[in-house]
Amino acid sequence: KSGGALSYADLFVRCRAAVRSRADDQNPQFEAYDRFDAGT
């Protein structure tokens, strides 16, 4: 839907909300390690 041009931060917000609309008890978890830039 986005054409793939999303940062990890934006993808996290959108994907988490969309999954919650399909599964009652499933929250995707993104974790950035060692200063990985979530804005990339």
Full PDB file with SEQRES, HELIX, SHEET, SSBOND, CRYST1, ORIGX, SCALE, CONECT and MASTER records, all heavy atoms in Angstrom:
SEQRES   1 A   40  LYS SER GLY GLY ALA LEU SER TYR ALA ASP LEU PHE VAL          
SEQRES   2 A   40  ARG CYS ARG ALA ALA VAL ARG SER ARG ALA ASP ASP GLN          
SEQRES   3 A   40  ASN PRO GLN PHE GLU ALA TYR ASP ARG PHE ASP ALA GLY          
SEQRES   4 A   40  THR                                                          
HELIX    1 AA1 TYR A    8  ARG A   20  1                                  13    
CRYST1    1.000    1.000    1.000  90.00  90.00  90.00 P 1           1          
ORIGX1      1.000000  0.000000  0.000000        0.00000                         
ORIGX2      0.000000  1.000000  0.000000        0.00000                         
ORIGX3      0.000000  0.000000  1.000000        0.00000                         
SCALE1      1.000000  0.000000  0.000000        0.00000                         
SCALE2      0.000000  1.000000  0.000000        0.00000                         
SCALE3      0.000000  0.000000  1.000000        0.00000                         
ATOM      1  N   LYS A   1       0.819  -1.214   0.000  1.00  0.00           N  
ATOM      2  CA  LYS A   1       0.000   0.000   0.000  1.00  0.00           C  
ATOM      3  C   LYS A   1       0.850   1.261   0.000  1.00  0.00           C  
ATOM      4  O   LYS A   1       0.449   2.295  -0.534  1.00  0.00           O  
ATOM      5  CB  LYS A   1      -0.936   0.003   1.207  1.00  0.00           C  
ATOM      6  CG  LYS A   1      -2.091  -0.987   1.090  1.00  0.00           C  
ATOM      7  CD  LYS A   1      -2.999  -0.905   2.309  1.00  0.00           C  
ATOM      8  CE  LYS A   1      -4.198  -1.837   2.165  1.00  0.00           C  
ATOM      9  NZ  LYS A   1      -5.081  -1.799   3.363  1.00  0.00           N  
ATOM     10  N   SER A   2       2.031   1.182   0.600  1.00  0.00           N  
ATOM     11  CA  SER A   2       2.902   2.355   0.695  1.00  0.00           C  
ATOM     12  C   SER A   2       3.922   2.422  -0.433  1.00  0.00           C  
ATOM     13  O   SER A   2       4.689   3.378  -0.511  1.00  0.00           O  
ATOM     14  CB  SER A   2       3.647   2.329   2.035  1.00  0.00           C  
ATOM     15  OG  SER A   2       4.560   1.240   2.056  1.00  0.00           O  
ATOM     16  N   GLY A   3       3.951   1.399  -1.266  1.00  0.00           N  
ATOM     17  CA  GLY A   3       4.984   1.347  -2.291  1.00  0.00           C  
ATOM     18  C   GLY A   3       6.323   0.892  -1.750  1.00  0.00           C  
ATOM     19  O   GLY A   3       7.325   0.917  -2.465  1.00  0.00           O  
ATOM     20  N   GLY A   4       6.345   0.489  -0.479  1.00  0.00           N  
ATOM     21  CA  GLY A   4       7.579  -0.001   0.121  1.00  0.00           C  
ATOM     22  C   GLY A   4       8.477   1.072   0.678  1.00  0.00           C  
ATOM     23  O   GLY A   4       9.481   0.785   1.324  1.00  0.00           O  
ATOM     24  N   ALA A   5       8.140   2.347   0.432  1.00  0.00           N  
ATOM     25  CA  ALA A   5       8.991   3.455   0.868  1.00  0.00           C  
ATOM     26  C   ALA A   5       8.598   3.898   2.267  1.00  0.00           C  
ATOM     27  O   ALA A   5       8.058   4.984   2.479  1.00  0.00           O  
ATOM     28  CB  ALA A   5       8.895   4.615  -0.110  1.00  0.00           C  
ATOM     29  N   LEU A   6       8.846   3.037   3.245  1.00  0.00           N  
ATOM     30  CA  LEU A   6       8.535   3.331   4.641  1.00  0.00           C  
ATOM     31  C   LEU A   6       9.789   3.148   5.487  1.00  0.00           C  
ATOM     32  O   LEU A   6      10.593   2.236   5.239  1.00  0.00           O  
ATOM     33  CB  LEU A   6       7.458   2.384   5.175  1.00  0.00           C  
ATOM     34  CG  LEU A   6       6.001   2.620   4.768  1.00  0.00           C  
ATOM     35  CD1 LEU A   6       5.134   1.527   5.386  1.00  0.00           C  
ATOM     36  CD2 LEU A   6       5.522   3.984   5.220  1.00  0.00           C  
ATOM     37  N   SER A   7       9.943   3.991   6.488  1.00  0.00           N  
ATOM     38  CA  SER A   7      10.987   3.749   7.475  1.00  0.00           C  
ATOM     39  C   SER A   7      10.536   2.615   8.386  1.00  0.00           C  
ATOM     40  O   SER A   7       9.351   2.268   8.449  1.00  0.00           O  
ATOM     41  CB  SER A   7      11.239   5.008   8.310  1.00  0.00           C  
ATOM     42  OG  SER A   7      10.119   5.277   9.147  1.00  0.00           O  
ATOM     43  N   TYR A   8      11.482   2.026   9.101  1.00  0.00           N  
ATOM     44  CA  TYR A   8      11.121   0.978  10.046  1.00  0.00           C  
ATOM     45  C   TYR A   8      10.183   1.519  11.117  1.00  0.00           C  
ATOM     46  O   TYR A   8       9.274   0.815  11.576  1.00  0.00           O  
ATOM     47  CB  TYR A   8      12.369   0.393  10.695  1.00  0.00           C  
ATOM     48  CG  TYR A   8      13.169  -0.495   9.777  1.00  0.00           C  
ATOM     49  CD1 TYR A   8      14.304  -0.018   9.120  1.00  0.00           C  
ATOM     50  CD2 TYR A   8      12.788  -1.812   9.551  1.00  0.00           C  
ATOM     51  CE1 TYR A   8      15.041  -0.835   8.278  1.00  0.00           C  
ATOM     52  CE2 TYR A   8      13.522  -2.646   8.714  1.00  0.00           C  
ATOM     53  CZ  TYR A   8      14.644  -2.151   8.071  1.00  0.00           C  
ATOM     54  OH  TYR A   8      15.371  -2.951   7.222  1.00  0.00           O  
ATOM     55  N   ALA A   9      10.390   2.770  11.533  1.00  0.00           N  
ATOM     56  CA  ALA A   9       9.522   3.361  12.557  1.00  0.00           C  
ATOM     57  C   ALA A   9       8.086   3.465  12.052  1.00  0.00           C  
ATOM     58  O   ALA A   9       7.136   3.115  12.763  1.00  0.00           O  
ATOM     59  CB  ALA A   9      10.055   4.739  12.954  1.00  0.00           C  
ATOM     60  N   ASP A  10       7.904   3.934  10.814  1.00  0.00           N  
ATOM     61  CA  ASP A  10       6.556   4.038  10.249  1.00  0.00           C  
ATOM     62  C   ASP A  10       5.946   2.655  10.036  1.00  0.00           C  
ATOM     63  O   ASP A  10       4.761   2.437  10.289  1.00  0.00           O  
ATOM     64  CB  ASP A  10       6.595   4.789   8.913  1.00  0.00           C  
ATOM     65  CG  ASP A  10       6.833   6.272   9.080  1.00  0.00           C  
ATOM     66  OD1 ASP A  10       6.575   6.786  10.189  1.00  0.00           O  
ATOM     67  OD2 ASP A  10       7.277   6.921   8.124  1.00  0.00           O  
ATOM     68  N   LEU A  11       6.757   1.729   9.551  1.00  0.00           N  
ATOM     69  CA  LEU A  11       6.271   0.374   9.309  1.00  0.00           C  
ATOM     70  C   LEU A  11       5.807  -0.270  10.619  1.00  0.00           C  
ATOM     71  O   LEU A  11       4.779  -0.957  10.647  1.00  0.00           O  
ATOM     72  CB  LEU A  11       7.379  -0.466   8.669  1.00  0.00           C  
ATOM     73  CG  LEU A  11       7.031  -1.899   8.293  1.00  0.00           C  
ATOM     74  CD1 LEU A  11       5.905  -1.951   7.271  1.00  0.00           C  
ATOM     75  CD2 LEU A  11       8.269  -2.624   7.752  1.00  0.00           C  
ATOM     76  N   PHE A  12       6.535  -0.036  11.682  1.00  0.00           N  
ATOM     77  CA  PHE A  12       6.164  -0.579  12.988  1.00  0.00           C  
ATOM     78  C   PHE A  12       4.788  -0.092  13.422  1.00  0.00           C  
ATOM     79  O   PHE A  12       3.925  -0.875  13.815  1.00  0.00           O  
ATOM     80  CB  PHE A  12       7.224  -0.175  14.015  1.00  0.00           C  
ATOM     81  CG  PHE A  12       6.842  -0.474  15.446  1.00  0.00           C  
ATOM     82  CD1 PHE A  12       6.564  -1.772  15.851  1.00  0.00           C  
ATOM     83  CD2 PHE A  12       6.778   0.542  16.385  1.00  0.00           C  
ATOM     84  CE1 PHE A  12       6.224  -2.044  17.165  1.00  0.00           C  
ATOM     85  CE2 PHE A  12       6.436   0.277  17.699  1.00  0.00           C  
ATOM     86  CZ  PHE A  12       6.166  -1.018  18.091  1.00  0.00           C  
ATOM     87  N   VAL A  13       4.575   1.206  13.328  1.00  0.00           N  
ATOM     88  CA  VAL A  13       3.301   1.779  13.766  1.00  0.00           C  
ATOM     89  C   VAL A  13       2.148   1.234  12.934  1.00  0.00           C  
ATOM     90  O   VAL A  13       1.109   0.812  13.461  1.00  0.00           O  
ATOM     91  CB  VAL A  13       3.357   3.318  13.692  1.00  0.00           C  
ATOM     92  CG1 VAL A  13       1.974   3.918  13.938  1.00  0.00           C  
ATOM     93  CG2 VAL A  13       4.358   3.871  14.704  1.00  0.00           C  
ATOM     94  N   ARG A  14       2.308   1.210  11.610  1.00  0.00           N  
ATOM     95  CA  ARG A  14       1.220   0.775  10.735  1.00  0.00           C  
ATOM     96  C   ARG A  14       0.973  -0.728  10.832  1.00  0.00           C  
ATOM     97  O   ARG A  14      -0.176  -1.188  10.845  1.00  0.00           O  
ATOM     98  CB  ARG A  14       1.534   1.169   9.294  1.00  0.00           C  
ATOM     99  CG  ARG A  14       1.689   2.673   9.097  1.00  0.00           C  
ATOM    100  CD  ARG A  14       1.853   3.032   7.646  1.00  0.00           C  
ATOM    101  NE  ARG A  14       2.232   4.429   7.493  1.00  0.00           N  
ATOM    102  CZ  ARG A  14       2.142   5.102   6.350  1.00  0.00           C  
ATOM    103  NH1 ARG A  14       1.689   4.495   5.262  1.00  0.00           N  
ATOM    104  NH2 ARG A  14       2.514   6.364   6.291  1.00  0.00           N  
ATOM    105  N   CYS A  15       2.056  -1.491  10.888  1.00  0.00           N  
ATOM    106  CA  CYS A  15       1.910  -2.946  10.924  1.00  0.00           C  
ATOM    107  C   CYS A  15       1.307  -3.392  12.249  1.00  0.00           C  
ATOM    108  O   CYS A  15       0.443  -4.276  12.283  1.00  0.00           O  
ATOM    109  CB  CYS A  15       3.270  -3.593  10.705  1.00  0.00           C  
ATOM    110  SG  CYS A  15       3.207  -5.377  10.474  1.00  0.00           S  
ATOM    111  N   ARG A  16       1.715  -2.778  13.337  1.00  0.00           N  
ATOM    112  CA  ARG A  16       1.184  -3.168  14.637  1.00  0.00           C  
ATOM    113  C   ARG A  16      -0.321  -2.906  14.713  1.00  0.00           C  
ATOM    114  O   ARG A  16      -1.088  -3.735  15.189  1.00  0.00           O  
ATOM    115  CB  ARG A  16       1.911  -2.426  15.751  1.00  0.00           C  
ATOM    116  CG  ARG A  16       1.554  -2.927  17.152  1.00  0.00           C  
ATOM    117  CD  ARG A  16       2.553  -2.441  18.151  1.00  0.00           C  
ATOM    118  NE  ARG A  16       2.151  -2.719  19.518  1.00  0.00           N  
ATOM    119  CZ  ARG A  16       2.873  -3.362  20.404  1.00  0.00           C  
ATOM    120  NH1 ARG A  16       4.047  -3.838  20.055  1.00  0.00           N  
ATOM    121  NH2 ARG A  16       2.452  -3.545  21.651  1.00  0.00           N  
ATOM    122  N   ALA A  17      -0.738  -1.737  14.220  1.00  0.00           N  
ATOM    123  CA  ALA A  17      -2.168  -1.427  14.250  1.00  0.00           C  
ATOM    124  C   ALA A  17      -2.956  -2.384  13.360  1.00  0.00           C  
ATOM    125  O   ALA A  17      -4.053  -2.831  13.719  1.00  0.00           O  
ATOM    126  CB  ALA A  17      -2.389   0.014  13.817  1.00  0.00           C  
ATOM    127  N   ALA A  18      -2.405  -2.719  12.185  1.00  0.00           N  
ATOM    128  CA  ALA A  18      -3.115  -3.598  11.258  1.00  0.00           C  
ATOM    129  C   ALA A  18      -3.219  -5.016  11.796  1.00  0.00           C  
ATOM    130  O   ALA A  18      -4.257  -5.672  11.652  1.00  0.00           O  
ATOM    131  CB  ALA A  18      -2.410  -3.598   9.897  1.00  0.00           C  
ATOM    132  N   VAL A  19      -2.159  -5.520  12.431  1.00  0.00           N  
ATOM    133  CA  VAL A  19      -2.208  -6.869  12.992  1.00  0.00           C  
ATOM    134  C   VAL A  19      -3.227  -6.940  14.126  1.00  0.00           C  
ATOM    135  O   VAL A  19      -3.982  -7.913  14.249  1.00  0.00           O  
ATOM    136  CB  VAL A  19      -0.810  -7.307  13.488  1.00  0.00           C  
ATOM    137  CG1 VAL A  19      -0.916  -8.555  14.371  1.00  0.00           C  
ATOM    138  CG2 VAL A  19       0.105  -7.594  12.307  1.00  0.00           C  
ATOM    139  N   ARG A  20      -3.292  -5.891  14.943  1.00  0.00           N  
ATOM    140  CA  ARG A  20      -4.239  -5.893  16.053  1.00  0.00           C  
ATOM    141  C   ARG A  20      -5.688  -5.933  15.568  1.00  0.00           C  
ATOM    142  O   ARG A  20      -6.580  -6.362  16.292  1.00  0.00           O  
ATOM    143  CB  ARG A  20      -4.022  -4.661  16.940  1.00  0.00           C  
ATOM    144  CG  ARG A  20      -2.847  -4.751  17.877  1.00  0.00           C  
ATOM    145  CD  ARG A  20      -2.964  -5.895  18.856  1.00  0.00           C  
ATOM    146  NE  ARG A  20      -4.202  -5.827  19.622  1.00  0.00           N  
ATOM    147  CZ  ARG A  20      -4.341  -5.145  20.738  1.00  0.00           C  
ATOM    148  NH1 ARG A  20      -3.314  -4.480  21.238  1.00  0.00           N  
ATOM    149  NH2 ARG A  20      -5.493  -5.143  21.377  1.00  0.00           N  
ATOM    150  N   SER A  21      -5.932  -5.492  14.342  1.00  0.00           N  
ATOM    151  CA  SER A  21      -7.291  -5.558  13.809  1.00  0.00           C  
ATOM    152  C   SER A  21      -7.649  -6.968  13.349  1.00  0.00           C  
ATOM    153  O   SER A  21      -8.815  -7.260  13.084  1.00  0.00           O  
ATOM    154  CB  SER A  21      -7.449  -4.579  12.639  1.00  0.00           C  
ATOM    155  OG  SER A  21      -6.715  -5.010  11.506  1.00  0.00           O  
ATOM    156  N   ARG A  22      -6.638  -7.853  13.256  1.00  0.00           N  
ATOM    157  CA  ARG A  22      -6.859  -9.214  12.773  1.00  0.00           C  
ATOM    158  C   ARG A  22      -6.705 -10.268  13.868  1.00  0.00           C  
ATOM    159  O   ARG A  22      -7.282 -11.349  13.768  1.00  0.00           O  
ATOM    160  CB  ARG A  22      -5.887  -9.525  11.632  1.00  0.00           C  
ATOM    161  CG  ARG A  22      -6.017  -8.571  10.454  1.00  0.00           C  
ATOM    162  CD  ARG A  22      -5.035  -8.888   9.356  1.00  0.00           C  
ATOM    163  NE  ARG A  22      -5.154  -7.947   8.247  1.00  0.00           N  
ATOM    164  CZ  ARG A  22      -4.480  -8.023   7.110  1.00  0.00           C  
ATOM    165  NH1 ARG A  22      -3.638  -9.032   6.931  1.00  0.00           N  
ATOM    166  NH2 ARG A  22      -4.657  -7.131   6.153  1.00  0.00           N  
ATOM    167  N   ALA A  23      -5.889  -9.983  14.860  1.00  0.00           N  
ATOM    168  CA  ALA A  23      -5.650 -10.932  15.953  1.00  0.00           C  
ATOM    169  C   ALA A  23      -5.759 -10.175  17.267  1.00  0.00           C  
ATOM    170  O   ALA A  23      -5.153  -9.124  17.437  1.00  0.00           O  
ATOM    171  CB  ALA A  23      -4.271 -11.569  15.813  1.00  0.00           C  
ATOM    172  N   ASP A  24      -6.531 -10.739  18.182  1.00  0.00           N  
ATOM    173  CA  ASP A  24      -6.822 -10.035  19.425  1.00  0.00           C  
ATOM    174  C   ASP A  24      -5.608  -9.924  20.328  1.00  0.00           C  
ATOM    175  O   ASP A  24      -5.437  -8.934  21.027  1.00  0.00           O  
ATOM    176  CB  ASP A  24      -7.942 -10.769  20.167  1.00  0.00           C  
ATOM    177  CG  ASP A  24      -8.353 -10.059  21.438  1.00  0.00           C  
ATOM    178  OD1 ASP A  24      -8.894  -8.938  21.319  1.00  0.00           O  
ATOM    179  OD2 ASP A  24      -8.125 -10.602  22.532  1.00  0.00           O  
ATOM    180  N   ASP A  25      -4.732 -10.908  20.318  1.00  0.00           N  
ATOM    181  CA  ASP A  25      -3.616 -10.938  21.263  1.00  0.00           C  
ATOM    182  C   ASP A  25      -2.304 -11.193  20.538  1.00  0.00           C  
ATOM    183  O   ASP A  25      -1.564 -12.130  20.838  1.00  0.00           O  
ATOM    184  CB  ASP A  25      -3.864 -12.019  22.330  1.00  0.00           C  
ATOM    185  CG  ASP A  25      -2.864 -11.936  23.476  1.00  0.00           C  
ATOM    186  OD1 ASP A  25      -2.373 -10.828  23.749  1.00  0.00           O  
ATOM    187  OD2 ASP A  25      -2.563 -12.980  24.084  1.00  0.00           O  
ATOM    188  N   GLN A  26      -2.022 -10.367  19.559  1.00  0.00           N  
ATOM    189  CA  GLN A  26      -0.754 -10.464  18.839  1.00  0.00           C  
ATOM    190  C   GLN A  26      -0.282  -9.054  18.488  1.00  0.00           C  
ATOM    191  O   GLN A  26      -0.922  -8.361  17.712  1.00  0.00           O  
ATOM    192  CB  GLN A  26      -0.886 -11.314  17.569  1.00  0.00           C  
ATOM    193  CG  GLN A  26       0.442 -11.452  16.813  1.00  0.00           C  
ATOM    194  CD  GLN A  26       0.349 -12.381  15.613  1.00  0.00           C  
ATOM    195  OE1 GLN A  26      -0.543 -13.218  15.525  1.00  0.00           O  
ATOM    196  NE2 GLN A  26       1.275 -12.234  14.680  1.00  0.00           N  
ATOM    197  N   ASN A  27       0.837  -8.658  19.071  1.00  0.00           N  
ATOM    198  CA  ASN A  27       1.405  -7.332  18.829  1.00  0.00           C  
ATOM    199  C   ASN A  27       2.798  -7.479  18.229  1.00  0.00           C  
ATOM    200  O   ASN A  27       3.726  -7.902  18.933  1.00  0.00           O  
ATOM    201  CB  ASN A  27       1.520  -6.534  20.135  1.00  0.00           C  
ATOM    202  CG  ASN A  27       0.174  -6.279  20.782  1.00  0.00           C  
ATOM    203  OD1 ASN A  27      -0.779  -5.918  20.112  1.00  0.00           O  
ATOM    204  ND2 ASN A  27       0.100  -6.484  22.085  1.00  0.00           N  
ATOM    205  N   PRO A  28       2.986  -7.177  16.951  1.00  0.00           N  
ATOM    206  CA  PRO A  28       4.327  -7.231  16.383  1.00  0.00           C  
ATOM    207  C   PRO A  28       5.301  -6.390  17.202  1.00  0.00           C  
ATOM    208  O   PRO A  28       4.953  -5.313  17.691  1.00  0.00           O  
ATOM    209  CB  PRO A  28       4.142  -6.654  14.977  1.00  0.00           C  
ATOM    210  CG  PRO A  28       2.712  -6.924  14.653  1.00  0.00           C  
ATOM    211  CD  PRO A  28       1.976  -6.775  15.951  1.00  0.00           C  
ATOM    212  N   GLN A  29       6.501  -6.908  17.346  1.00  0.00           N  
ATOM    213  CA  GLN A  29       7.515  -6.236  18.146  1.00  0.00           C  
ATOM    214  C   GLN A  29       8.743  -5.992  17.295  1.00  0.00           C  
ATOM    215  O   GLN A  29       9.361  -6.923  16.804  1.00  0.00           O  
ATOM    216  CB  GLN A  29       7.890  -7.099  19.365  1.00  0.00           C  
ATOM    217  CG  GLN A  29       8.859  -6.462  20.320  1.00  0.00           C  
ATOM    218  CD  GLN A  29       8.259  -5.311  21.090  1.00  0.00           C  
ATOM    219  OE1 GLN A  29       7.031  -5.217  21.197  1.00  0.00           O  
ATOM    220  NE2 GLN A  29       9.079  -4.433  21.617  1.00  0.00           N  
ATOM    221  N   PHE A  30       9.099  -4.728  17.081  1.00  0.00           N  
ATOM    222  CA  PHE A  30      10.326  -4.372  16.372  1.00  0.00           C  
ATOM    223  C   PHE A  30      11.350  -3.968  17.423  1.00  0.00           C  
ATOM    224  O   PHE A  30      11.036  -3.241  18.362  1.00  0.00           O  
ATOM    225  CB  PHE A  30      10.100  -3.205  15.413  1.00  0.00           C  
ATOM    226  CG  PHE A  30       9.283  -3.528  14.193  1.00  0.00           C  
ATOM    227  CD1 PHE A  30       8.463  -4.632  14.127  1.00  0.00           C  
ATOM    228  CD2 PHE A  30       9.337  -2.693  13.081  1.00  0.00           C  
ATOM    229  CE1 PHE A  30       7.700  -4.911  12.998  1.00  0.00           C  
ATOM    230  CE2 PHE A  30       8.575  -2.957  11.946  1.00  0.00           C  
ATOM    231  CZ  PHE A  30       7.765  -4.066  11.896  1.00  0.00           C  
ATOM    232  N   GLU A  31      12.575  -4.415  17.270  1.00  0.00           N  
ATOM    233  CA  GLU A  31      13.631  -4.083  18.216  1.00  0.00           C  
ATOM    234  C   GLU A  31      14.880  -3.677  17.446  1.00  0.00           C  
ATOM    235  O   GLU A  31      15.391  -4.448  16.637  1.00  0.00           O  
ATOM    236  CB  GLU A  31      13.930  -5.289  19.122  1.00  0.00           C  
ATOM    237  CG  GLU A  31      12.744  -5.753  19.963  1.00  0.00           C  
ATOM    238  CD  GLU A  31      13.045  -6.993  20.785  1.00  0.00           C  
ATOM    239  OE1 GLU A  31      14.240  -7.284  21.003  1.00  0.00           O  
ATOM    240  OE2 GLU A  31      12.099  -7.676  21.209  1.00  0.00           O  
ATOM    241  N   ALA A  32      15.345  -2.453  17.705  1.00  0.00           N  
ATOM    242  CA  ALA A  32      16.560  -1.935  17.066  1.00  0.00           C  
ATOM    243  C   ALA A  32      17.726  -2.101  18.035  1.00  0.00           C  
ATOM    244  O   ALA A  32      17.642  -1.674  19.185  1.00  0.00           O  
ATOM    245  CB  ALA A  32      16.374  -0.470  16.688  1.00  0.00           C  
ATOM    246  N   TYR A  33      18.798  -2.711  17.576  1.00  0.00           N  
ATOM    247  CA  TYR A  33      19.934  -3.013  18.436  1.00  0.00           C  
ATOM    248  C   TYR A  33      21.158  -2.190  18.047  1.00  0.00           C  
ATOM    249  O   TYR A  33      21.381  -1.899  16.862  1.00  0.00           O  
ATOM    250  CB  TYR A  33      20.294  -4.502  18.341  1.00  0.00           C  
ATOM    251  CG  TYR A  33      19.247  -5.422  18.931  1.00  0.00           C  
ATOM    252  CD1 TYR A  33      18.194  -5.901  18.159  1.00  0.00           C  
ATOM    253  CD2 TYR A  33      19.310  -5.802  20.272  1.00  0.00           C  
ATOM    254  CE1 TYR A  33      17.240  -6.748  18.712  1.00  0.00           C  
ATOM    255  CE2 TYR A  33      18.355  -6.657  20.817  1.00  0.00           C  
ATOM    256  CZ  TYR A  33      17.331  -7.123  20.035  1.00  0.00           C  
ATOM    257  OH  TYR A  33      16.378  -7.955  20.568  1.00  0.00           O  
ATOM    258  N   ASP A  34      21.939  -1.834  19.062  1.00  0.00           N  
ATOM    259  CA  ASP A  34      23.237  -1.186  18.876  1.00  0.00           C  
ATOM    260  C   ASP A  34      23.126   0.060  17.987  1.00  0.00           C  
ATOM    261  O   ASP A  34      23.868   0.242  17.042  1.00  0.00           O  
ATOM    262  CB  ASP A  34      24.250  -2.175  18.274  1.00  0.00           C  
ATOM    263  CG  ASP A  34      25.687  -1.697  18.413  1.00  0.00           C  
ATOM    264  OD1 ASP A  34      25.965  -0.928  19.342  1.00  0.00           O  
ATOM    265  OD2 ASP A  34      26.523  -2.087  17.565  1.00  0.00           O  
ATOM    266  N   ARG A  35      22.124   0.909  18.335  1.00  0.00           N  
ATOM    267  CA  ARG A  35      21.913   2.187  17.646  1.00  0.00           C  
ATOM    268  C   ARG A  35      21.550   2.020  16.155  1.00  0.00           C  
ATOM    269  O   ARG A  35      21.897   2.869  15.326  1.00  0.00           O  
ATOM    270  CB  ARG A  35      23.126   3.112  17.794  1.00  0.00           C  
ATOM    271  CG  ARG A  35      23.332   3.582  19.228  1.00  0.00           C  
ATOM    272  CD  ARG A  35      24.301   4.737  19.322  1.00  0.00           C  
ATOM    273  NE  ARG A  35      24.331   5.263  20.671  1.00  0.00           N  
ATOM    274  CZ  ARG A  35      23.455   6.147  21.144  1.00  0.00           C  
ATOM    275  NH1 ARG A  35      22.480   6.578  20.368  1.00  0.00           N  
ATOM    276  NH2 ARG A  35      23.550   6.584  22.380  1.00  0.00           N  
ATOM    277  N   PHE A  36      20.894   0.947  15.821  1.00  0.00           N  
ATOM    278  CA  PHE A  36      20.321   0.848  14.478  1.00  0.00           C  
ATOM    279  C   PHE A  36      19.311   1.976  14.323  1.00  0.00           C  
ATOM    280  O   PHE A  36      18.443   2.171  15.174  1.00  0.00           O  
ATOM    281  CB  PHE A  36      19.639  -0.507  14.294  1.00  0.00           C  
ATOM    282  CG  PHE A  36      19.139  -0.748  12.891  1.00  0.00           C  
ATOM    283  CD1 PHE A  36      19.875  -1.502  12.005  1.00  0.00           C  
ATOM    284  CD2 PHE A  36      17.926  -0.219  12.470  1.00  0.00           C  
ATOM    285  CE1 PHE A  36      19.414  -1.735  10.710  1.00  0.00           C  
ATOM    286  CE2 PHE A  36      17.459  -0.439  11.189  1.00  0.00           C  
ATOM    287  CZ  PHE A  36      18.196  -1.193  10.299  1.00  0.00           C  
ATOM    288  N   ASP A  37      19.408   2.721  13.237  1.00  0.00           N  
ATOM    289  CA  ASP A  37      18.550   3.892  13.031  1.00  0.00           C  
ATOM    290  C   ASP A  37      17.200   3.458  12.485  1.00  0.00           C  
ATOM    291  O   ASP A  37      17.077   3.063  11.323  1.00  0.00           O  
ATOM    292  CB  ASP A  37      19.234   4.865  12.067  1.00  0.00           C  
ATOM    293  CG  ASP A  37      18.468   6.170  11.889  1.00  0.00           C  
ATOM    294  OD1 ASP A  37      17.369   6.307  12.462  1.00  0.00           O  
ATOM    295  OD2 ASP A  37      18.975   7.051  11.174  1.00  0.00           O  
ATOM    296  N   ALA A  38      16.167   3.548  13.325  1.00  0.00           N  
ATOM    297  CA  ALA A  38      14.824   3.136  12.911  1.00  0.00           C  
ATOM    298  C   ALA A  38      14.207   4.087  11.903  1.00  0.00           C  
ATOM    299  O   ALA A  38      13.150   3.792  11.345  1.00  0.00           O  
ATOM    300  CB  ALA A  38      13.917   3.023  14.136  1.00  0.00           C  
ATOM    301  N   GLY A  39      14.855   5.221  11.657  1.00  0.00           N  
ATOM    302  CA  GLY A  39      14.354   6.147  10.648  1.00  0.00           C  
ATOM    303  C   GLY A  39      14.808   5.811   9.243  1.00  0.00           C  
ATOM    304  O   GLY A  39      14.361   6.451   8.279  1.00  0.00           O  
ATOM    305  N   THR A  40      15.663   4.797   9.101  1.00  0.00           N  
ATOM    306  CA  THR A  40      16.094   4.391   7.769  1.00  0.00           C  
ATOM    307  C   THR A  40      14.995   3.591   7.086  1.00  0.00           C  
ATOM    308  O   THR A  40      14.112   3.036   7.727  1.00  0.00           O  
ATOM    309  CB  THR A  40      17.374   3.540   7.831  1.00  0.00           C  
ATOM    310  OG1 THR A  40      17.141   2.400   8.669  1.00  0.00           O  
ATOM    311  CG2 THR A  40      18.520   4.343   8.413  1.00  0.00           C  
TER     312      THR A  40                                                      
MASTER        0    0    0    1    0    0    0    6  311    1    0    4          
END                                                                             
